[in-house]
Amino acid sequence: MTTPPLPPAVPPGYSDKSKVVAGVLQILLGGVGAGRFYMGHTKIAVLQLVVSFCTLGIGALWGLIDGILILVNGGVDGQGRPLRD
């Protein structure tokens, strides 16, 4: 008796990254761009890090707002695939 093949863990066309993980990382560590690094958006993450450093931490508000938007609207990973729920 053979076992049936398991369905893929991630639906085709979707990223293997989670929008919940990306959003929470961005809310908690948005000043260093952790959520954007996780999603694969390295340029935006580095820009968030530089802005937070240059504004003495005030730029971390960008990360907080960005994290909330990721949780509400979702987003795409670095390859343009939508994040999974």
Protein backbone atom coordinates (compact mmCIF):
# COMPACT_ATOMS: atom_id res chain seq x y z
CA MET A 1 0.00 0.00 0.00
CA THR A 2 1.45 3.36 -0.97
CA THR A 3 0.87 6.61 0.82
CA PRO A 4 -0.66 9.47 -1.16
CA PRO A 5 1.60 12.45 -1.85
CA LEU A 6 1.40 15.25 0.68
CA PRO A 7 0.03 18.59 -0.54
CA PRO A 8 2.59 21.37 -0.71
CA ALA A 9 2.94 23.38 2.50
CA VAL A 10 2.85 26.66 0.57
CA PRO A 11 0.27 27.18 -2.19
CA PRO A 12 1.81 27.67 -5.65
CA GLY A 13 2.48 31.29 -6.47
CA TYR A 14 2.79 32.35 -2.83
CA SER A 15 5.91 33.17 -0.88
CA ASP A 16 7.27 30.89 1.81
CA LYS A 17 7.42 33.99 4.05
CA SER A 18 4.58 34.79 6.46
CA LYS A 19 2.98 38.23 6.60
CA VAL A 20 2.41 37.82 10.36
CA VAL A 21 6.12 37.18 11.02
CA ALA A 22 7.12 40.05 8.71
CA GLY A 23 4.66 42.45 10.36
CA VAL A 24 5.63 41.57 13.93
CA LEU A 25 9.35 41.80 13.13
CA GLN A 26 8.78 45.17 11.50
CA ILE A 27 6.76 46.48 14.45
CA LEU A 28 9.25 45.30 17.09
CA LEU A 29 12.50 45.86 15.18
CA GLY A 30 11.43 48.30 12.47
CA GLY A 31 14.20 50.74 13.29
CA VAL A 32 16.72 48.26 11.94
CA GLY A 33 14.45 47.07 9.10
CA ALA A 34 14.17 43.48 10.37
CA GLY A 35 10.81 42.81 8.71
CA ARG A 36 12.05 44.12 5.38
CA PHE A 37 15.23 42.04 5.62
CA TYR A 38 13.02 39.00 6.32
CA MET A 39 10.86 39.77 3.27
CA GLY A 40 13.90 40.17 1.03
CA HIS A 41 13.67 43.94 0.51
CA THR A 42 17.29 44.68 1.41
CA LYS A 43 17.45 48.21 -0.03
CA ILE A 44 14.41 49.39 1.93
CA ALA A 45 15.72 47.70 5.09
CA VAL A 46 19.10 49.44 4.82
CA LEU A 47 17.33 52.75 4.16
CA GLN A 48 15.20 52.27 7.30
CA LEU A 49 18.35 51.52 9.30
CA VAL A 50 20.11 54.65 8.01
CA VAL A 51 17.07 56.90 8.59
CA SER A 52 16.64 55.60 12.14
CA PHE A 53 20.32 56.14 12.85
CA CYS A 54 20.43 59.65 11.35
CA THR A 55 17.29 60.80 13.18
CA LEU A 56 18.44 59.31 16.51
CA GLY A 57 15.63 56.75 16.55
CA ILE A 58 12.74 58.94 15.47
CA GLY A 59 12.82 57.27 12.06
CA ALA A 60 11.78 54.03 13.75
CA LEU A 61 8.21 55.32 13.46
CA TRP A 62 8.50 54.43 9.77
CA GLY A 63 9.10 50.82 10.80
CA LEU A 64 6.13 50.81 13.17
CA ILE A 65 3.76 52.16 10.52
CA ASP A 66 5.24 49.83 7.90
CA GLY A 67 4.69 46.83 10.19
CA ILE A 68 1.04 47.71 10.72
CA LEU A 69 0.55 48.09 6.96
CA ILE A 70 2.18 44.71 6.32
CA LEU A 71 -0.18 43.05 8.82
CA VAL A 72 -3.27 44.75 7.37
CA ASN A 73 -2.53 44.71 3.64
CA GLY A 74 0.01 41.91 3.32
CA GLY A 75 2.79 42.52 0.86
CA VAL A 76 5.18 40.80 -1.48
CA ASP A 77 8.55 39.19 -0.91
CA GLY A 78 11.76 40.14 -2.68
CA GLN A 79 10.74 38.05 -5.71
CA GLY A 80 7.32 39.68 -6.09
CA ARG A 81 5.27 36.77 -4.70
CA PRO A 82 2.48 37.62 -2.22
CA LEU A 83 3.16 36.73 1.42
CA ARG A 84 1.17 33.85 2.85
CA ASP A 85 -1.23 34.37 5.75
